[in-house]
Amino acid sequence: MDIIFHIGAHRSASTSFQHYLRDIHTTLNEQRTGYWGPHRTRGGMMNGLFPAQHVARGRNLVRRAEGRVQMNLTRARATGAQRLLVSDENFAGTMYNCVRTKTLYPSIGERMARHVAAFGGKITRVVMSIRAQDLWWSSAVGYTVSRGHIVPGALSLEMMSHCPRTWRDVITDLACAVPDAEIIITPFEQFAGQPQALLQLATGQVAPPDKIGHW
């Protein structure tokens, strides 16, 4: 079973893509394509993959999380799925952490390495959408503030605008974490509002049109 990761980035129509995937579940089943979205990946299956030291209490929480992932993969294979598409933009890190550290996905390498290990290292392909970096920062700040986070001050905004870390650095860290997987980078400016095009690129299967218009 091929395992395909779609890891965002945030503010690049990831949520629209996930809504589209849930709406076409019948077609995905017919094509023998399984789908795990945030409702699955954040629903307890991966709890403990990034454990806090004070809650470990002698238990190997990482090993337990990896075991749960493997159990769910076994069930997916038992359904006859030929490929599994896993979409969660938080795999790369949280948007709030980017704004807080004024850095573009500073921990994507470590986070992806842990997720890859949980999936047994058998990742076929990783798809990531990116957008113009200045517009990404504006969108990320606007979103986090709208969710109740503090408005960044002038100095913080200045640090973001001059952040030396670019998408090239992010992708380099990603490539180091998943050296055996094919990596596909899609520009938001071309794929926004076209989830069917992104799905076809990710899976190689013919994708139904987005009749609802999720974006």
N, C-alpha and C. Protein backbone atom coordinates (compact mmCIF):
# COMPACT_ATOMS: atom_id res chain seq x y z
N MET A 1 0.83 -1.19 0.00
CA MET A 1 0.00 0.00 0.00
C MET A 1 0.88 1.25 0.00
N ASP A 2 0.71 2.10 -0.99
CA ASP A 2 1.45 3.36 -1.03
C ASP A 2 0.92 4.29 0.05
N ILE A 3 1.82 4.98 0.72
CA ILE A 3 1.44 5.96 1.73
C ILE A 3 1.87 7.34 1.24
N ILE A 4 0.90 8.23 1.11
CA ILE A 4 1.13 9.56 0.54
C ILE A 4 0.80 10.60 1.61
N PHE A 5 1.75 11.47 1.91
CA PHE A 5 1.53 12.55 2.86
C PHE A 5 1.20 13.84 2.11
N HIS A 6 0.17 14.52 2.57
CA HIS A 6 -0.07 15.91 2.17
C HIS A 6 0.06 16.75 3.43
N ILE A 7 1.07 17.63 3.48
CA ILE A 7 1.42 18.30 4.73
C ILE A 7 1.22 19.82 4.67
N GLY A 8 0.21 20.26 3.97
CA GLY A 8 -0.05 21.71 3.92
C GLY A 8 0.71 22.36 2.78
N ALA A 9 1.29 23.54 2.99
CA ALA A 9 1.42 24.25 4.25
C ALA A 9 0.11 24.95 4.64
N HIS A 10 0.07 25.48 5.88
CA HIS A 10 -1.07 26.26 6.32
C HIS A 10 -1.29 27.44 5.36
N ARG A 11 -2.52 27.89 5.33
CA ARG A 11 -2.90 29.05 4.51
C ARG A 11 -2.65 28.82 3.03
N SER A 12 -2.69 27.54 2.63
CA SER A 12 -2.49 27.19 1.21
C SER A 12 -3.60 26.27 0.72
N ALA A 13 -4.82 26.51 1.22
CA ALA A 13 -6.02 25.78 0.81
C ALA A 13 -6.03 24.33 1.28
N SER A 14 -5.32 24.03 2.36
CA SER A 14 -5.29 22.66 2.87
C SER A 14 -6.65 22.22 3.41
N THR A 15 -7.31 23.09 4.15
CA THR A 15 -8.61 22.75 4.71
C THR A 15 -9.63 22.52 3.60
N SER A 16 -9.59 23.34 2.57
CA SER A 16 -10.49 23.15 1.43
C SER A 16 -10.25 21.79 0.78
N PHE A 17 -9.00 21.43 0.66
CA PHE A 17 -8.64 20.13 0.08
C PHE A 17 -9.20 18.99 0.92
N GLN A 18 -9.10 19.12 2.24
CA GLN A 18 -9.59 18.07 3.13
C GLN A 18 -11.11 17.95 3.08
N HIS A 19 -11.82 19.07 3.00
CA HIS A 19 -13.27 19.01 2.85
C HIS A 19 -13.66 18.31 1.55
N TYR A 20 -12.94 18.62 0.50
CA TYR A 20 -13.18 17.98 -0.79
C TYR A 20 -12.99 16.47 -0.70
N LEU A 21 -11.93 16.03 -0.05
CA LEU A 21 -11.66 14.60 0.08
C LEU A 21 -12.76 13.89 0.85
N ARG A 22 -13.27 14.53 1.89
CA ARG A 22 -14.34 13.90 2.66
C ARG A 22 -15.63 13.80 1.84
N ASP A 23 -15.86 14.75 0.96
CA ASP A 23 -17.08 14.74 0.16
C ASP A 23 -17.05 13.70 -0.95
N ILE A 24 -15.85 13.29 -1.38
CA ILE A 24 -15.77 12.33 -2.48
C ILE A 24 -15.33 10.96 -1.97
N HIS A 25 -15.67 10.64 -0.72
CA HIS A 25 -15.20 9.38 -0.13
C HIS A 25 -15.65 8.16 -0.93
N THR A 26 -16.83 8.26 -1.57
CA THR A 26 -17.30 7.12 -2.37
C THR A 26 -16.37 6.86 -3.54
N THR A 27 -15.98 7.92 -4.23
CA THR A 27 -15.04 7.77 -5.36
C THR A 27 -13.71 7.24 -4.88
N LEU A 28 -13.22 7.74 -3.75
CA LEU A 28 -11.95 7.26 -3.22
C LEU A 28 -12.01 5.77 -2.90
N ASN A 29 -13.11 5.34 -2.33
CA ASN A 29 -13.26 3.91 -2.02
C ASN A 29 -13.26 3.07 -3.30
N GLU A 30 -13.92 3.57 -4.33
CA GLU A 30 -13.95 2.84 -5.60
C GLU A 30 -12.56 2.73 -6.21
N GLN A 31 -11.74 3.72 -5.98
CA GLN A 31 -10.37 3.71 -6.51
C GLN A 31 -9.40 3.03 -5.56
N ARG A 32 -9.91 2.48 -4.47
CA ARG A 32 -9.10 1.83 -3.44
C ARG A 32 -8.07 2.79 -2.84
N THR A 33 -8.55 4.00 -2.58
CA THR A 33 -7.72 5.02 -1.95
C THR A 33 -8.28 5.32 -0.57
N GLY A 34 -7.50 5.07 0.46
CA GLY A 34 -7.91 5.43 1.81
C GLY A 34 -7.54 6.87 2.10
N TYR A 35 -8.26 7.47 3.04
CA TYR A 35 -7.98 8.87 3.39
C TYR A 35 -8.04 9.05 4.89
N TRP A 36 -6.95 9.61 5.45
CA TRP A 36 -6.91 10.05 6.84
C TRP A 36 -6.70 11.54 6.85
N GLY A 37 -7.61 12.27 7.46
CA GLY A 37 -7.47 13.71 7.61
C GLY A 37 -7.24 14.07 9.07
N PRO A 38 -7.29 15.36 9.39
CA PRO A 38 -7.07 15.79 10.78
C PRO A 38 -8.04 15.15 11.76
N HIS A 39 -9.26 14.83 11.30
CA HIS A 39 -10.21 14.18 12.20
C HIS A 39 -9.68 12.84 12.68
N ARG A 40 -8.78 12.24 11.92
CA ARG A 40 -8.20 10.95 12.28
C ARG A 40 -6.83 11.12 12.95
N THR A 41 -5.98 11.93 12.34
CA THR A 41 -4.62 12.07 12.85
C THR A 41 -4.57 12.82 14.18
N ARG A 42 -5.58 13.67 14.44
CA ARG A 42 -5.59 14.43 15.70
C ARG A 42 -6.64 13.88 16.67
N GLY A 43 -7.17 12.72 16.36
CA GLY A 43 -8.23 12.15 17.17
C GLY A 43 -7.75 11.19 18.24
N GLY A 44 -6.46 11.19 18.54
CA GLY A 44 -5.92 10.34 19.59
C GLY A 44 -4.97 9.28 19.09
N MET A 45 -5.02 8.98 17.80
CA MET A 45 -4.17 7.93 17.26
C MET A 45 -2.68 8.24 17.48
N MET A 46 -2.30 9.51 17.36
CA MET A 46 -0.89 9.88 17.45
C MET A 46 -0.52 10.52 18.77
N ASN A 47 -1.42 10.48 19.73
CA ASN A 47 -1.09 11.05 21.04
C ASN A 47 0.15 10.38 21.63
N GLY A 48 1.11 11.22 22.02
CA GLY A 48 2.34 10.69 22.60
C GLY A 48 3.50 10.67 21.64
N LEU A 49 3.24 10.97 20.36
CA LEU A 49 4.34 10.96 19.39
C LEU A 49 5.35 12.06 19.71
N PHE A 50 4.87 13.14 20.34
CA PHE A 50 5.74 14.22 20.81
C PHE A 50 5.45 14.44 22.29
N PRO A 51 5.87 13.50 23.15
CA PRO A 51 5.47 13.55 24.57
C PRO A 51 6.21 14.63 25.35
N ALA A 52 5.49 15.23 26.28
CA ALA A 52 6.13 16.14 27.22
C ALA A 52 6.83 15.31 28.29
N GLN A 53 8.00 15.76 28.71
CA GLN A 53 8.80 14.97 29.65
C GLN A 53 8.07 14.70 30.95
N HIS A 54 7.26 15.64 31.43
CA HIS A 54 6.64 15.50 32.74
C HIS A 54 5.46 14.53 32.75
N VAL A 55 5.03 14.04 31.57
CA VAL A 55 3.89 13.12 31.56
C VAL A 55 4.31 11.71 31.16
N ALA A 56 5.57 11.49 30.90
CA ALA A 56 6.01 10.18 30.44
C ALA A 56 5.82 9.10 31.50
N ARG A 57 6.24 9.38 32.74
CA ARG A 57 6.07 8.46 33.87
C ARG A 57 6.55 7.04 33.56
N GLY A 58 7.67 6.94 32.89
CA GLY A 58 8.27 5.64 32.64
C GLY A 58 7.70 4.89 31.45
N ARG A 59 6.60 5.36 30.87
CA ARG A 59 6.01 4.67 29.72
C ARG A 59 6.61 5.23 28.43
N ASN A 60 6.78 4.37 27.46
CA ASN A 60 7.30 4.81 26.17
C ASN A 60 6.12 5.26 25.32
N LEU A 61 5.79 6.55 25.46
CA LEU A 61 4.62 7.07 24.77
C LEU A 61 4.81 7.09 23.26
N VAL A 62 6.04 7.30 22.83
CA VAL A 62 6.31 7.31 21.39
C VAL A 62 6.05 5.93 20.80
N ARG A 63 6.55 4.90 21.49
CA ARG A 63 6.34 3.53 21.01
C ARG A 63 4.85 3.17 20.97
N ARG A 64 4.10 3.64 21.95
CA ARG A 64 2.67 3.37 21.98
C ARG A 64 1.96 4.05 20.81
N ALA A 65 2.37 5.30 20.52
CA ALA A 65 1.77 6.02 19.39
C ALA A 65 2.10 5.33 18.07
N GLU A 66 3.35 4.89 17.93
CA GLU A 66 3.74 4.18 16.72
C GLU A 66 2.95 2.89 16.56
N GLY A 67 2.69 2.22 17.67
CA GLY A 67 1.92 0.99 17.62
C GLY A 67 0.49 1.23 17.16
N ARG A 68 -0.12 2.33 17.64
CA ARG A 68 -1.48 2.64 17.20
C ARG A 68 -1.53 2.94 15.72
N VAL A 69 -0.52 3.67 15.22
CA VAL A 69 -0.48 3.96 13.79
C VAL A 69 -0.36 2.67 12.98
N GLN A 70 0.51 1.78 13.42
CA GLN A 70 0.70 0.53 12.70
C GLN A 70 -0.57 -0.34 12.71
N MET A 71 -1.28 -0.34 13.82
CA MET A 71 -2.54 -1.08 13.88
C MET A 71 -3.55 -0.53 12.89
N ASN A 72 -3.63 0.79 12.80
CA ASN A 72 -4.56 1.41 11.85
C ASN A 72 -4.14 1.18 10.41
N LEU A 73 -2.83 1.14 10.16
CA LEU A 73 -2.34 0.83 8.81
C LEU A 73 -2.71 -0.60 8.42
N THR A 74 -2.61 -1.51 9.36
CA THR A 74 -2.98 -2.90 9.10
C THR A 74 -4.45 -3.01 8.72
N ARG A 75 -5.29 -2.26 9.43
CA ARG A 75 -6.72 -2.26 9.11
C ARG A 75 -6.98 -1.67 7.72
N ALA A 76 -6.23 -0.62 7.38
CA ALA A 76 -6.41 -0.01 6.06
C ALA A 76 -6.04 -0.99 4.96
N ARG A 77 -4.93 -1.71 5.16
CA ARG A 77 -4.52 -2.70 4.15
C ARG A 77 -5.57 -3.81 4.04
N ALA A 78 -6.18 -4.17 5.15
CA ALA A 78 -7.16 -5.25 5.15
C ALA A 78 -8.41 -4.90 4.35
N THR A 79 -8.67 -3.60 4.16
CA THR A 79 -9.82 -3.19 3.37
C THR A 79 -9.56 -3.31 1.87
N GLY A 80 -8.31 -3.57 1.51
CA GLY A 80 -7.95 -3.67 0.10
C GLY A 80 -7.44 -2.38 -0.49
N ALA A 81 -7.17 -1.38 0.37
CA ALA A 81 -6.66 -0.10 -0.12
C ALA A 81 -5.30 -0.28 -0.78
N GLN A 82 -5.14 0.31 -1.94
CA GLN A 82 -3.86 0.26 -2.65
C GLN A 82 -2.99 1.46 -2.32
N ARG A 83 -3.62 2.51 -1.80
CA ARG A 83 -2.88 3.72 -1.43
C ARG A 83 -3.62 4.39 -0.27
N LEU A 84 -2.87 5.09 0.55
CA LEU A 84 -3.44 5.81 1.68
C LEU A 84 -2.96 7.25 1.62
N LEU A 85 -3.89 8.19 1.56
CA LEU A 85 -3.56 9.61 1.53
C LEU A 85 -3.79 10.18 2.92
N VAL A 86 -2.73 10.70 3.52
CA VAL A 86 -2.79 11.28 4.86
C VAL A 86 -2.56 12.78 4.75
N SER A 87 -3.57 13.57 5.12
CA SER A 87 -3.48 15.02 4.96
C SER A 87 -3.60 15.71 6.31
N ASP A 88 -2.55 16.37 6.73
CA ASP A 88 -2.56 17.13 7.99
C ASP A 88 -1.44 18.15 7.94
N GLU A 89 -1.79 19.42 7.87
CA GLU A 89 -0.79 20.47 7.76
C GLU A 89 0.03 20.63 9.03
N ASN A 90 -0.47 20.13 10.15
CA ASN A 90 0.30 20.22 11.39
C ASN A 90 1.46 19.22 11.44
N PHE A 91 1.53 18.31 10.47
CA PHE A 91 2.70 17.43 10.40
C PHE A 91 3.98 18.26 10.29
N ALA A 92 3.90 19.38 9.59
CA ALA A 92 5.08 20.22 9.38
C ALA A 92 5.37 21.13 10.56
N GLY A 93 4.40 21.27 11.46
CA GLY A 93 4.51 22.20 12.58
C GLY A 93 3.27 23.06 12.62
N THR A 94 3.08 23.79 13.71
CA THR A 94 1.89 24.62 13.82
C THR A 94 2.15 26.04 13.32
N MET A 95 1.09 26.65 12.85
CA MET A 95 1.20 28.02 12.36
C MET A 95 1.55 28.97 13.51
N TYR A 96 0.95 28.71 14.69
CA TYR A 96 1.23 29.57 15.83
C TYR A 96 2.71 29.52 16.20
N ASN A 97 3.34 28.35 16.11
CA ASN A 97 4.76 28.26 16.44
C ASN A 97 5.60 29.06 15.46
N CYS A 98 5.19 29.07 14.19
CA CYS A 98 5.92 29.88 13.20
C CYS A 98 5.85 31.36 13.57
N VAL A 99 4.64 31.81 13.93
CA VAL A 99 4.47 33.23 14.29
C VAL A 99 5.20 33.54 15.59
N ARG A 100 5.14 32.62 16.55
CA ARG A 100 5.79 32.85 17.84
C ARG A 100 7.30 32.95 17.71
N THR A 101 7.88 32.06 16.87
CA THR A 101 9.34 32.04 16.72
C THR A 101 9.82 32.96 15.60
N LYS A 102 8.87 33.52 14.86
CA LYS A 102 9.21 34.38 13.70
C LYS A 102 10.07 33.65 12.69
N THR A 103 9.84 32.34 12.56
CA THR A 103 10.63 31.48 11.67
C THR A 103 9.70 30.56 10.91
N LEU A 104 10.05 30.25 9.68
CA LEU A 104 9.22 29.43 8.81
C LEU A 104 9.44 27.95 9.11
N TYR A 105 8.47 27.33 9.76
CA TYR A 105 8.49 25.89 10.09
C TYR A 105 9.88 25.44 10.58
N PRO A 106 10.29 25.94 11.74
CA PRO A 106 11.65 25.64 12.22
C PRO A 106 11.89 24.18 12.58
N SER A 107 10.81 23.43 12.91
CA SER A 107 11.00 22.05 13.39
C SER A 107 10.46 21.01 12.41
N ILE A 108 10.31 21.37 11.14
CA ILE A 108 9.72 20.43 10.19
C ILE A 108 10.57 19.17 10.05
N GLY A 109 11.88 19.28 10.13
CA GLY A 109 12.74 18.11 9.97
C GLY A 109 12.50 17.08 11.06
N GLU A 110 12.54 17.52 12.31
CA GLU A 110 12.33 16.60 13.43
C GLU A 110 10.91 16.04 13.43
N ARG A 111 9.93 16.90 13.20
CA ARG A 111 8.53 16.45 13.22
C ARG A 111 8.26 15.42 12.12
N MET A 112 8.75 15.69 10.92
CA MET A 112 8.50 14.75 9.83
C MET A 112 9.24 13.44 10.06
N ALA A 113 10.43 13.51 10.64
CA ALA A 113 11.18 12.28 10.92
C ALA A 113 10.40 11.39 11.89
N ARG A 114 9.75 12.00 12.88
CA ARG A 114 8.97 11.21 13.83
C ARG A 114 7.73 10.62 13.18
N HIS A 115 7.08 11.40 12.33
CA HIS A 115 5.90 10.88 11.64
C HIS A 115 6.28 9.75 10.68
N VAL A 116 7.38 9.92 9.99
CA VAL A 116 7.84 8.87 9.07
C VAL A 116 8.13 7.59 9.84
N ALA A 117 8.77 7.72 11.01
CA ALA A 117 9.07 6.54 11.82
C ALA A 117 7.79 5.85 12.27
N ALA A 118 6.77 6.64 12.62
CA ALA A 118 5.51 6.06 13.06
C ALA A 118 4.85 5.25 11.94
N PHE A 119 5.08 5.67 10.70
CA PHE A 119 4.52 4.95 9.55
C PHE A 119 5.48 3.90 9.01
N GLY A 120 6.46 3.55 9.80
CA GLY A 120 7.38 2.48 9.41
C GLY A 120 8.37 2.87 8.34
N GLY A 121 8.52 4.17 8.11
CA GLY A 121 9.49 4.63 7.11
C GLY A 121 9.08 4.38 5.68
N LYS A 122 7.85 3.92 5.48
CA LYS A 122 7.42 3.52 4.13
C LYS A 122 6.53 4.58 3.50
N ILE A 123 7.09 5.77 3.32
CA ILE A 123 6.35 6.88 2.71
C ILE A 123 6.71 6.94 1.23
N THR A 124 5.70 6.88 0.40
CA THR A 124 5.92 6.87 -1.04
C THR A 124 6.12 8.28 -1.60
N ARG A 125 5.29 9.21 -1.12
CA ARG A 125 5.28 10.55 -1.71
C ARG A 125 4.86 11.56 -0.66
N VAL A 126 5.43 12.77 -0.74
CA VAL A 126 5.04 13.87 0.13
C VAL A 126 4.68 15.06 -0.75
N VAL A 127 3.48 15.60 -0.55
CA VAL A 127 3.01 16.75 -1.31
C VAL A 127 2.89 17.94 -0.37
N MET A 128 3.46 19.07 -0.78
CA MET A 128 3.38 20.28 0.04
C MET A 128 3.10 21.47 -0.86
N SER A 129 2.10 22.26 -0.47
CA SER A 129 1.77 23.48 -1.20
C SER A 129 2.39 24.68 -0.48
N ILE A 130 2.94 25.59 -1.23
CA ILE A 130 3.52 26.79 -0.65
C ILE A 130 2.99 28.00 -1.41
N ARG A 131 3.09 29.17 -0.78
CA ARG A 131 2.64 30.40 -1.43
C ARG A 131 3.69 31.48 -1.21
N ALA A 132 3.57 32.57 -1.94
CA ALA A 132 4.53 33.67 -1.83
C ALA A 132 4.77 33.99 -0.36
N GLN A 133 6.05 34.07 0.02
CA GLN A 133 6.37 34.09 1.44
C GLN A 133 5.84 35.32 2.17
N ASP A 134 5.86 36.48 1.51
CA ASP A 134 5.34 37.68 2.18
C ASP A 134 3.84 37.55 2.44
N LEU A 135 3.10 36.99 1.47
CA LEU A 135 1.67 36.81 1.65
C LEU A 135 1.37 35.71 2.65
N TRP A 136 2.25 34.71 2.72
CA TRP A 136 2.04 33.65 3.71
C TRP A 136 2.13 34.21 5.12
N TRP A 137 3.14 35.04 5.39
CA TRP A 137 3.28 35.62 6.72
C TRP A 137 2.08 36.48 7.06
N SER A 138 1.61 37.29 6.11
CA SER A 138 0.46 38.15 6.37
C SER A 138 -0.77 37.31 6.72
N SER A 139 -0.97 36.24 5.96
CA SER A 139 -2.12 35.38 6.19
C SER A 139 -2.01 34.65 7.52
N ALA A 140 -0.82 34.16 7.85
CA ALA A 140 -0.61 33.43 9.10
C ALA A 140 -0.84 34.33 10.30
N VAL A 141 -0.32 35.54 10.26
CA VAL A 141 -0.51 36.48 11.37
C VAL A 141 -1.99 36.82 11.51
N GLY A 142 -2.65 37.11 10.39
CA GLY A 142 -4.07 37.45 10.45
C GLY A 142 -4.90 36.32 11.02
N TYR A 143 -4.58 35.09 10.65
CA TYR A 143 -5.34 33.94 11.13
C TYR A 143 -5.14 33.72 12.63
N THR A 144 -3.89 33.73 13.08
CA THR A 144 -3.63 33.46 14.49
C THR A 144 -4.22 34.55 15.38
N VAL A 145 -4.15 35.80 14.93
CA VAL A 145 -4.74 36.89 15.72
C VAL A 145 -6.26 36.72 15.80
N SER A 146 -6.86 36.30 14.69
CA SER A 146 -8.32 36.11 14.68
C SER A 146 -8.75 34.98 15.60
N ARG A 147 -7.81 34.10 15.97
CA ARG A 147 -8.10 33.00 16.89
C ARG A 147 -7.71 33.33 18.33
N GLY A 148 -7.43 34.59 18.59
CA GLY A 148 -7.21 35.02 19.97
C GLY A 148 -5.77 35.18 20.39
N HIS A 149 -4.82 34.91 19.49
CA HIS A 149 -3.41 35.09 19.86
C HIS A 149 -3.04 36.56 19.82
N ILE A 150 -1.96 36.89 20.50
CA ILE A 150 -1.55 38.28 20.65
C ILE A 150 -1.14 38.87 19.29
N VAL A 151 -1.44 40.14 19.11
CA VAL A 151 -1.02 40.84 17.89
C VAL A 151 0.49 41.09 17.95
N PRO A 152 1.25 40.62 16.99
CA PRO A 152 2.71 40.84 17.02
C PRO A 152 3.04 42.33 16.98
N GLY A 153 4.05 42.70 17.74
CA GLY A 153 4.48 44.09 17.74
C GLY A 153 5.33 44.43 16.53
N ALA A 154 5.74 45.67 16.44
CA ALA A 154 6.50 46.14 15.29
C ALA A 154 7.81 45.38 15.12
N LEU A 155 8.49 45.11 16.24
CA LEU A 155 9.76 44.39 16.16
C LEU A 155 9.55 42.97 15.65
N SER A 156 8.51 42.30 16.14
CA SER A 156 8.23 40.94 15.68
C SER A 156 7.91 40.91 14.19
N LEU A 157 7.13 41.87 13.73
CA LEU A 157 6.79 41.93 12.31
C LEU A 157 8.04 42.20 11.47
N GLU A 158 8.93 43.03 12.01
CA GLU A 158 10.19 43.31 11.29
C GLU A 158 11.02 42.05 11.18
N MET A 159 11.06 41.23 12.24
CA MET A 159 11.84 39.99 12.22
C MET A 159 11.24 39.00 11.23
N MET A 160 9.90 38.94 11.14
CA MET A 160 9.27 38.06 10.17
C MET A 160 9.61 38.49 8.74
N SER A 161 9.54 39.78 8.50
CA SER A 161 9.76 40.27 7.14
C SER A 161 11.20 40.09 6.68
N HIS A 162 12.12 39.95 7.64
CA HIS A 162 13.52 39.73 7.29
C HIS A 162 14.00 38.33 7.67
N CYS A 163 13.07 37.41 7.86
CA CYS A 163 13.44 36.05 8.23
C CYS A 163 14.33 35.43 7.15
N PRO A 164 15.53 35.00 7.51
CA PRO A 164 16.44 34.44 6.51
C PRO A 164 16.04 33.04 6.04
N ARG A 165 15.14 32.39 6.77
CA ARG A 165 14.72 31.04 6.41
C ARG A 165 13.63 31.12 5.33
N THR A 166 13.86 30.45 4.22
CA THR A 166 12.94 30.50 3.09
C THR A 166 12.31 29.12 2.86
N TRP A 167 11.41 29.05 1.90
CA TRP A 167 10.80 27.76 1.55
C TRP A 167 11.86 26.76 1.11
N ARG A 168 12.92 27.23 0.49
CA ARG A 168 14.00 26.32 0.07
C ARG A 168 14.60 25.61 1.28
N ASP A 169 14.78 26.34 2.37
CA ASP A 169 15.31 25.73 3.60
C ASP A 169 14.32 24.73 4.18
N VAL A 170 13.05 25.09 4.15
CA VAL A 170 12.01 24.18 4.65
C VAL A 170 12.01 22.88 3.86
N ILE A 171 12.06 23.00 2.54
CA ILE A 171 12.03 21.82 1.68
C ILE A 171 13.30 20.99 1.84
N THR A 172 14.43 21.63 2.07
CA THR A 172 15.68 20.91 2.31
C THR A 172 15.57 20.05 3.57
N ASP A 173 15.01 20.64 4.64
CA ASP A 173 14.82 19.88 5.87
C ASP A 173 13.85 18.72 5.65
N LEU A 174 12.81 18.98 4.87
CA LEU A 174 11.84 17.93 4.55
C LEU A 174 12.51 16.78 3.80
N ALA A 175 13.33 17.11 2.84
CA ALA A 175 14.01 16.08 2.04
C ALA A 175 14.94 15.24 2.90
N CYS A 176 15.58 15.85 3.90
CA CYS A 176 16.46 15.09 4.79
C CYS A 176 15.65 14.14 5.67
N ALA A 177 14.43 14.54 6.02
CA ALA A 177 13.60 13.71 6.90
C ALA A 177 12.96 12.55 6.16
N VAL A 178 12.70 12.71 4.87
CA VAL A 178 12.07 11.64 4.07
C VAL A 178 12.90 11.39 2.81
N PRO A 179 14.12 10.89 2.97
CA PRO A 179 15.04 10.78 1.84
C PRO A 179 14.59 9.80 0.76
N ASP A 180 13.73 8.86 1.11
CA ASP A 180 13.33 7.84 0.14
C ASP A 180 12.00 8.14 -0.54
N ALA A 181 11.37 9.25 -0.20
CA ALA A 181 10.07 9.59 -0.76
C ALA A 181 10.20 10.60 -1.88
N GLU A 182 9.27 10.50 -2.82
CA GLU A 182 9.17 11.54 -3.85
C GLU A 182 8.54 12.77 -3.22
N ILE A 183 9.10 13.94 -3.48
CA ILE A 183 8.58 15.19 -2.92
C ILE A 183 8.03 16.04 -4.05
N ILE A 184 6.77 16.44 -3.91
CA ILE A 184 6.12 17.30 -4.91
C ILE A 184 5.73 18.61 -4.24
N ILE A 185 6.20 19.71 -4.77
CA ILE A 185 5.87 21.04 -4.25
C ILE A 185 4.94 21.73 -5.25
N THR A 186 3.79 22.17 -4.75
CA THR A 186 2.81 22.82 -5.62
C THR A 186 2.62 24.28 -5.20
N PRO A 187 2.56 25.20 -6.13
CA PRO A 187 2.33 26.61 -5.78
C PRO A 187 0.86 26.88 -5.51
N PHE A 188 0.58 27.50 -4.38
CA PHE A 188 -0.78 27.86 -4.01
C PHE A 188 -1.44 28.69 -5.10
N GLU A 189 -0.67 29.59 -5.69
CA GLU A 189 -1.24 30.50 -6.68
C GLU A 189 -1.80 29.76 -7.90
N GLN A 190 -1.35 28.54 -8.15
CA GLN A 190 -1.84 27.77 -9.29
C GLN A 190 -2.88 26.72 -8.89
N PHE A 191 -2.82 26.23 -7.66
CA PHE A 191 -3.68 25.12 -7.26
C PHE A 191 -4.83 25.53 -6.35
N ALA A 192 -4.86 26.76 -5.86
CA ALA A 192 -5.96 27.18 -5.00
C ALA A 192 -7.27 27.08 -5.77
N GLY A 193 -8.27 26.47 -5.13
CA GLY A 193 -9.56 26.31 -5.79
C GLY A 193 -9.62 25.15 -6.75
N GLN A 194 -8.55 24.34 -6.81
CA GLN A 194 -8.53 23.19 -7.70
C GLN A 194 -8.10 21.93 -6.93
N PRO A 195 -8.88 21.52 -5.94
CA PRO A 195 -8.49 20.35 -5.15
C PRO A 195 -8.41 19.08 -5.98
N GLN A 196 -9.20 19.00 -7.05
CA GLN A 196 -9.15 17.81 -7.90
C GLN A 196 -7.79 17.68 -8.59
N ALA A 197 -7.19 18.81 -8.96
CA ALA A 197 -5.87 18.78 -9.59
C ALA A 197 -4.81 18.33 -8.59
N LEU A 198 -4.95 18.78 -7.35
CA LEU A 198 -3.99 18.39 -6.32
C LEU A 198 -4.12 16.90 -6.01
N LEU A 199 -5.35 16.40 -5.96
CA LEU A 199 -5.56 14.98 -5.68
C LEU A 199 -4.99 14.11 -6.80
N GLN A 200 -5.21 14.51 -8.03
CA GLN A 200 -4.69 13.72 -9.15
C GLN A 200 -3.17 13.71 -9.15
N LEU A 201 -2.57 14.83 -8.79
CA LEU A 201 -1.11 14.90 -8.71
C LEU A 201 -0.58 14.02 -7.58
N ALA A 202 -1.31 13.98 -6.47
CA ALA A 202 -0.86 13.22 -5.30
C ALA A 202 -0.99 11.72 -5.49
N THR A 203 -2.09 11.28 -6.12
CA THR A 203 -2.39 9.85 -6.19
C THR A 203 -2.18 9.24 -7.56
N GLY A 204 -2.15 10.07 -8.61
CA GLY A 204 -2.04 9.54 -9.96
C GLY A 204 -3.35 8.98 -10.49
N GLN A 205 -4.44 9.19 -9.74
CA GLN A 205 -5.75 8.70 -10.14
C GLN A 205 -6.61 9.85 -10.67
N VAL A 206 -7.52 9.53 -11.57
CA VAL A 206 -8.44 10.54 -12.08
C VAL A 206 -9.32 11.03 -10.94
N ALA A 207 -9.40 12.34 -10.75
CA ALA A 207 -10.14 12.91 -9.64
C ALA A 207 -11.42 13.57 -10.13
N PRO A 208 -12.52 13.40 -9.41
CA PRO A 208 -13.77 14.04 -9.81
C PRO A 208 -13.70 15.55 -9.63
N PRO A 209 -14.45 16.31 -10.41
CA PRO A 209 -14.42 17.77 -10.26
C PRO A 209 -15.00 18.21 -8.93
N ASP A 210 -14.56 19.37 -8.49
CA ASP A 210 -15.06 19.95 -7.24
C ASP A 210 -16.36 20.69 -7.56
N LYS A 211 -17.49 20.01 -7.43
CA LYS A 211 -18.77 20.59 -7.80
C LYS A 211 -19.29 21.59 -6.77
N ILE A 212 -18.80 21.48 -5.54
CA ILE A 212 -19.28 22.37 -4.48
C ILE A 212 -18.52 23.69 -4.48
N GLY A 213 -17.24 23.64 -4.84
CA GLY A 213 -16.42 24.84 -4.80
C GLY A 213 -16.00 25.14 -3.37
N HIS A 214 -15.13 24.29 -2.80
CA HIS A 214 -14.80 24.38 -1.38
C HIS A 214 -13.96 25.59 -1.03
N TRP A 215 -13.17 26.09 -1.95
CA TRP A 215 -12.22 27.14 -1.57
C TRP A 215 -12.96 28.42 -1.24
